[in-house]
Amino acid sequence: MNLFALASFSLGLASSLLAAIIFIGAKKRLHVIWGFMNVAIAVFGFGTYMVGVADNYDKAFFSWQLTFCGIPYIAVFFYHIVHEFCNLKNKLFLWLAHLHGALFALTSILTPWVVNDLKFKFGQFYYYEAGIVFNAFFFFWVLMVIKGFIHLYQHNIHSEGFKRTQGQYFFYGMLVGFASGSTTSIPSYGIDIYPGWHFFVCIYAAIQTYALFRYQVLDIKIAITRLGVFIIVYSLVLGVPFGLVILGKAWLTNAFAENWFWAPMLTLLALATVVPFIYLFIQRKAEDALLQEERRIN
């Protein structure tokens, strides 16, 4: 395993664990959105891990397409978190952000326009090349992130006490995360800087995990319930598509020939779209049932 793959796997694992912790401790819609941002980071991490270990062009191409299912939503969910945390009123840009994320992911999966060509880099793996369509999407991606940081910075200046402390943890944790994660785009522009710096996104995970434990106390029954819901839902999101790739490849190849990979990719996209709503519904129902039982006993 090369350094790029190792860094990517570490990132995927750290983000998955942080997502689990967040979903278990979620008390507000803000927390749930934060959790799904970490799911998007995990998809990015495990996707680039697959790139790092891919032994041929086609596997690497598929892995990059999978990776670009997560990348757009990192910025989308980040801006959505800022929108909720800072109580922003204008929802137009928020809707544009979600539309951008969906179009970016769909274009990456359904067309060869975003991931359009790969080059063998550093004698280890195939790396995507930034084209016109990628640059157009990436420009708005960067704009979204910058706009989010500006809103967050302005919010922290005018806040006090606990709210300001939360904002500062969030600001600096995200700053480390985006600064290190964005370095993976550098080789796509022909600049041969080894793309292993996204490992330091794990520092973001450490900062945010500390902040969560430092400033929240969880009810153990609620925590266990949320852990169970998270395991079921998260297993569905990643288990079904990866199961199709690992266990169903032979059957899919017989059914769809060279187009077999569309089945797991479209399944992942569909699940990524509906699962946040499924998660919220199941969590609400489970917690309502738990609270009703506690009221009956008391």
Protein backbone atom coordinates (compact mmCIF):
# COMPACT_ATOMS: atom_id res chain seq x y z
CA MET A 1 0.00 0.00 0.00
CA ASN A 2 1.43 3.40 -0.97
CA LEU A 3 1.36 6.53 1.18
CA PHE A 4 -1.52 8.06 -0.79
CA ALA A 5 -3.71 4.99 -0.20
CA LEU A 6 -2.72 4.82 3.48
CA ALA A 7 -3.55 8.50 4.03
CA SER A 8 -6.86 8.05 2.24
CA PHE A 9 -7.85 4.97 4.23
CA SER A 10 -6.98 6.75 7.50
CA LEU A 11 -9.14 9.68 6.44
CA GLY A 12 -12.05 7.46 5.49
CA LEU A 13 -11.87 5.59 8.78
CA ALA A 14 -11.52 8.73 10.92
CA SER A 15 -14.42 10.46 9.17
CA SER A 16 -16.61 7.37 9.52
CA LEU A 17 -15.93 7.21 13.25
CA LEU A 18 -16.60 10.93 13.64
CA ALA A 19 -19.85 10.57 11.68
CA ALA A 20 -20.92 7.78 14.04
CA ILE A 21 -20.09 9.90 17.11
CA ILE A 22 -21.98 12.88 15.70
CA PHE A 23 -25.08 10.89 14.78
CA ILE A 24 -25.11 9.32 18.23
CA GLY A 25 -24.85 12.70 19.92
CA ALA A 26 -27.01 14.70 17.51
CA LYS A 27 -29.45 17.00 19.27
CA LYS A 28 -30.26 19.39 16.45
CA ARG A 29 -30.66 19.38 12.70
CA LEU A 30 -27.29 21.14 12.58
CA HIS A 31 -25.62 18.06 14.06
CA VAL A 32 -27.26 15.73 11.55
CA ILE A 33 -26.04 17.88 8.64
CA TRP A 34 -22.57 17.87 10.19
CA GLY A 35 -22.75 14.08 10.37
CA PHE A 36 -23.59 13.78 6.68
CA MET A 37 -20.71 16.08 5.80
CA ASN A 38 -18.42 13.54 7.44
CA VAL A 39 -20.09 10.76 5.46
CA ALA A 40 -19.18 12.74 2.31
CA ILE A 41 -15.59 13.05 3.57
CA ALA A 42 -15.53 9.30 4.23
CA VAL A 43 -16.65 8.62 0.64
CA PHE A 44 -13.82 10.88 -0.52
CA GLY A 45 -11.35 9.06 1.72
CA PHE A 46 -12.33 5.51 0.77
CA GLY A 47 -12.71 6.52 -2.88
CA THR A 48 -9.16 7.86 -3.08
CA TYR A 49 -7.98 4.75 -1.23
CA MET A 50 -9.44 2.68 -4.07
CA VAL A 51 -7.60 4.97 -6.50
CA GLY A 52 -4.35 4.36 -4.63
CA VAL A 53 -4.64 0.57 -4.81
CA ALA A 54 -6.20 0.30 -8.30
CA ASP A 55 -3.98 -1.84 -10.52
CA ASN A 56 -5.31 -0.68 -13.89
CA TYR A 57 -6.75 2.35 -15.66
CA ASP A 58 -10.40 1.22 -15.64
CA LYS A 59 -10.46 0.51 -11.90
CA ALA A 60 -8.84 3.86 -11.21
CA PHE A 61 -11.34 5.65 -13.47
CA PHE A 62 -14.27 4.02 -11.65
CA SER A 63 -12.68 4.88 -8.28
CA TRP A 64 -12.34 8.55 -9.22
CA GLN A 65 -15.99 8.63 -10.30
CA LEU A 66 -16.92 7.17 -6.91
CA THR A 67 -14.71 9.74 -5.18
CA PHE A 68 -16.50 12.57 -6.96
CA CYS A 69 -19.77 11.39 -5.47
CA GLY A 70 -18.46 12.63 -2.12
CA ILE A 71 -16.32 15.65 -2.99
CA PRO A 72 -19.16 18.00 -4.07
CA TYR A 73 -21.15 17.36 -0.90
CA ILE A 74 -18.24 18.20 1.41
CA ALA A 75 -18.61 21.85 0.42
CA VAL A 76 -22.42 21.67 0.23
CA PHE A 77 -22.85 20.30 3.74
CA PHE A 78 -20.16 22.66 5.09
CA TYR A 79 -22.07 25.68 3.78
CA HIS A 80 -25.35 24.20 5.05
CA ILE A 81 -23.81 23.82 8.52
CA VAL A 82 -22.65 27.44 8.45
CA HIS A 83 -26.11 28.52 7.29
CA GLU A 84 -27.72 26.76 10.26
CA PHE A 85 -25.09 27.71 12.84
CA CYS A 86 -25.03 31.40 11.89
CA ASN A 87 -28.83 31.61 11.43
CA LEU A 88 -28.49 33.00 7.91
CA LYS A 89 -31.77 34.11 6.38
CA ASN A 90 -31.12 34.09 2.63
CA LYS A 91 -31.77 30.55 1.43
CA LEU A 92 -31.20 31.18 -2.29
CA PHE A 93 -27.47 30.47 -2.15
CA LEU A 94 -28.14 27.40 0.00
CA TRP A 95 -30.49 25.97 -2.64
CA LEU A 96 -27.94 26.80 -5.34
CA ALA A 97 -25.30 24.98 -3.30
CA HIS A 98 -27.39 21.81 -3.12
CA LEU A 99 -28.23 22.05 -6.82
CA HIS A 100 -24.52 22.44 -7.60
CA GLY A 101 -23.67 19.38 -5.49
CA ALA A 102 -26.27 17.23 -7.25
CA LEU A 103 -25.17 18.38 -10.72
CA PHE A 104 -21.48 17.90 -9.87
CA ALA A 105 -22.06 14.35 -8.60
CA LEU A 106 -24.40 13.40 -11.47
CA THR A 107 -22.04 14.75 -14.10
CA SER A 108 -19.17 12.87 -12.51
CA ILE A 109 -21.10 9.59 -12.53
CA LEU A 110 -23.05 9.77 -15.77
CA THR A 111 -20.56 11.46 -18.09
CA PRO A 112 -16.80 11.40 -18.77
CA TRP A 113 -16.68 15.21 -18.54
CA VAL A 114 -15.45 15.65 -14.96
CA VAL A 115 -13.22 12.59 -14.78
CA ASN A 116 -12.20 12.63 -18.44
CA ASP A 117 -8.60 11.42 -18.48
CA LEU A 118 -6.07 9.89 -16.10
CA LYS A 119 -2.29 9.93 -16.03
CA PHE A 120 -0.01 7.56 -14.16
CA LYS A 121 1.65 9.66 -11.45
CA PHE A 122 4.60 9.13 -9.13
CA GLY A 123 4.99 5.57 -10.43
CA GLN A 124 2.15 4.49 -8.10
CA PHE A 125 -1.41 5.38 -9.23
CA TYR A 126 -3.59 6.98 -11.91
CA TYR A 127 -4.60 10.59 -11.26
CA TYR A 128 -7.36 12.62 -12.87
CA GLU A 129 -6.61 15.68 -14.99
CA ALA A 130 -8.51 18.91 -14.45
CA GLY A 131 -10.56 19.78 -17.53
CA ILE A 132 -12.94 22.58 -18.42
CA VAL A 133 -16.02 21.00 -16.84
CA PHE A 134 -14.15 20.09 -13.65
CA ASN A 135 -12.78 23.64 -13.38
CA ALA A 136 -16.27 25.12 -13.79
CA PHE A 137 -17.68 22.97 -10.98
CA PHE A 138 -14.57 23.39 -8.83
CA PHE A 139 -14.75 27.18 -9.11
CA PHE A 140 -18.21 27.25 -7.54
CA TRP A 141 -17.07 24.63 -5.00
CA VAL A 142 -14.26 26.96 -3.87
CA LEU A 143 -16.61 29.97 -3.88
CA MET A 144 -19.02 28.07 -1.64
CA VAL A 145 -16.27 27.21 0.85
CA ILE A 146 -14.90 30.78 0.93
CA LYS A 147 -18.38 32.23 1.42
CA GLY A 148 -18.98 29.79 4.28
CA PHE A 149 -15.75 30.78 6.04
CA ILE A 150 -16.56 34.50 5.64
CA HIS A 151 -19.99 34.04 7.25
CA LEU A 152 -18.45 31.97 10.05
CA TYR A 153 -15.69 34.51 10.70
CA GLN A 154 -18.19 37.37 10.85
CA HIS A 155 -20.39 35.36 13.19
CA ASN A 156 -17.49 34.65 15.57
CA ILE A 157 -16.52 38.33 15.72
CA HIS A 158 -19.98 39.32 16.94
CA SER A 159 -20.59 36.32 19.24
CA GLU A 160 -19.69 35.85 22.88
CA GLY A 161 -19.27 33.05 25.38
CA PHE A 162 -20.24 29.49 24.54
CA LYS A 163 -21.46 30.33 21.04
CA ARG A 164 -18.17 31.98 20.16
CA THR A 165 -16.18 29.03 21.55
CA GLN A 166 -18.21 26.66 19.38
CA GLY A 167 -17.67 28.88 16.37
CA GLN A 168 -13.92 29.03 16.89
CA TYR A 169 -13.56 25.25 17.16
CA PHE A 170 -15.65 24.90 14.02
CA PHE A 171 -13.74 27.59 12.11
CA TYR A 172 -10.22 26.34 12.84
CA GLY A 173 -11.13 22.68 12.54
CA MET A 174 -12.67 23.26 9.12
CA LEU A 175 -9.77 25.49 8.08
CA VAL A 176 -7.29 22.67 8.75
CA GLY A 177 -9.56 20.20 6.99
CA PHE A 178 -10.11 22.20 3.81
CA ALA A 179 -6.51 23.45 3.61
CA SER A 180 -5.12 19.91 3.72
CA GLY A 181 -7.88 18.22 1.73
CA SER A 182 -7.73 20.72 -1.13
CA THR A 183 -4.10 19.77 -1.80
CA THR A 184 -5.36 16.64 -3.57
CA SER A 185 -6.40 18.87 -6.49
CA ILE A 186 -2.84 20.11 -7.10
CA PRO A 187 -1.54 17.12 -9.13
CA SER A 188 -4.58 17.37 -11.42
CA TYR A 189 -3.10 20.63 -12.77
CA GLY A 190 0.21 19.01 -13.69
CA ILE A 191 2.04 20.11 -10.53
CA ASP A 192 3.86 17.07 -9.18
CA ILE A 193 3.35 17.52 -5.45
CA TYR A 194 2.64 14.16 -3.84
CA PRO A 195 -1.05 14.07 -2.76
CA GLY A 196 -0.74 12.67 0.73
CA TRP A 197 -1.47 15.84 2.66
CA HIS A 198 -5.17 15.07 2.99
CA PHE A 199 -4.10 12.82 5.88
CA PHE A 200 -4.15 15.98 8.01
CA VAL A 201 -7.92 16.18 7.59
CA CYS A 202 -7.74 13.69 10.47
CA ILE A 203 -6.64 16.64 12.63
CA TYR A 204 -9.97 18.25 11.80
CA ALA A 205 -11.65 15.05 12.97
CA ALA A 206 -9.70 15.16 16.23
CA ILE A 207 -10.58 18.82 16.88
CA GLN A 208 -14.27 18.31 16.20
CA THR A 209 -14.45 15.10 18.24
CA TYR A 210 -12.85 16.87 21.22
CA ALA A 211 -15.29 19.74 20.89
CA LEU A 212 -18.21 17.32 20.79
CA PHE A 213 -17.15 15.48 23.95
CA ARG A 214 -16.12 18.71 25.70
CA TYR A 215 -19.39 20.52 25.14
CA GLN A 216 -22.05 17.79 25.06
CA VAL A 217 -23.28 15.22 27.59
CA LEU A 218 -25.36 12.37 26.14
CA ASP A 219 -28.18 10.31 27.58
CA ILE A 220 -26.93 6.70 27.33
CA LYS A 221 -30.23 5.25 26.03
CA ILE A 222 -30.52 7.92 23.36
CA ALA A 223 -26.86 7.36 22.45
CA ILE A 224 -27.34 3.60 22.03
CA THR A 225 -30.50 4.14 19.97
CA ARG A 226 -28.73 6.57 17.66
CA LEU A 227 -25.76 4.23 17.31
CA GLY A 228 -28.07 1.45 16.16
CA VAL A 229 -29.85 3.69 13.65
CA PHE A 230 -26.51 4.97 12.34
CA ILE A 231 -25.10 1.46 11.84
CA ILE A 232 -28.20 0.36 9.93
CA VAL A 233 -28.41 3.43 7.70
CA TYR A 234 -24.68 3.80 7.07
CA SER A 235 -24.40 0.09 6.26
CA LEU A 236 -27.16 0.58 3.71
CA VAL A 237 -25.45 3.57 2.07
CA LEU A 238 -22.05 1.95 1.64
CA GLY A 239 -22.85 -1.75 1.97
CA VAL A 240 -25.27 -2.07 -0.93
CA PRO A 241 -23.14 -0.32 -3.62
CA PHE A 242 -19.90 -1.95 -2.50
CA GLY A 243 -21.68 -5.28 -2.19
CA LEU A 244 -22.79 -4.96 -5.81
CA VAL A 245 -19.18 -4.26 -6.83
CA ILE A 246 -17.62 -7.09 -4.80
CA LEU A 247 -20.29 -9.81 -4.86
CA GLY A 248 -22.43 -8.92 -7.84
CA LYS A 249 -19.84 -8.01 -10.46
CA ALA A 250 -20.09 -11.33 -12.31
CA TRP A 251 -23.89 -11.19 -12.50
CA LEU A 252 -23.88 -7.51 -13.47
CA THR A 253 -21.28 -8.14 -16.18
CA ASN A 254 -23.45 -10.88 -17.68
CA ALA A 255 -26.50 -8.62 -17.55
CA PHE A 256 -25.03 -5.29 -18.65
CA ALA A 257 -21.64 -6.20 -20.20
CA GLU A 258 -19.16 -3.29 -20.05
CA ASN A 259 -21.83 -1.00 -18.53
CA TRP A 260 -22.07 -3.11 -15.34
CA PHE A 261 -20.57 -0.35 -13.16
CA TRP A 262 -23.60 1.92 -13.68
CA ALA A 263 -25.63 -0.24 -11.28
CA PRO A 264 -23.50 0.36 -8.13
CA MET A 265 -22.85 4.01 -8.99
CA LEU A 266 -26.51 4.87 -9.57
CA THR A 267 -27.45 2.88 -6.46
CA LEU A 268 -24.96 4.92 -4.41
CA LEU A 269 -26.32 8.19 -5.81
CA ALA A 270 -29.94 7.17 -5.11
CA LEU A 271 -29.14 6.10 -1.55
CA ALA A 272 -27.11 9.26 -0.88
CA THR A 273 -30.15 11.30 -1.93
CA VAL A 274 -32.81 9.56 0.16
CA VAL A 275 -30.88 8.22 3.15
CA PRO A 276 -30.68 11.55 5.09
CA PHE A 277 -34.49 11.63 5.13
CA ILE A 278 -34.67 7.93 6.04
CA TYR A 279 -32.19 8.46 8.88
CA LEU A 280 -34.13 11.39 10.35
CA PHE A 281 -37.42 9.48 10.09
CA ILE A 282 -36.11 6.31 11.76
CA GLN A 283 -34.27 8.27 14.45
CA ARG A 284 -37.38 10.31 15.29
CA LYS A 285 -39.60 7.24 15.46
CA ALA A 286 -37.10 5.30 17.61
CA GLU A 287 -36.58 8.17 20.06
CA ASP A 288 -40.32 8.89 20.28
CA ALA A 289 -40.94 5.24 21.16
CA LEU A 290 -38.16 5.35 23.76
CA LEU A 291 -39.49 8.55 25.36
CA GLN A 292 -43.04 7.18 25.43
CA GLU A 293 -41.80 4.07 27.20
CA GLU A 294 -39.92 6.17 29.77
CA ARG A 295 -43.03 8.30 30.43
CA ARG A 296 -45.15 5.15 30.85
CA ILE A 297 -42.69 3.68 33.37
CA ASN A 298 -42.42 6.95 35.29
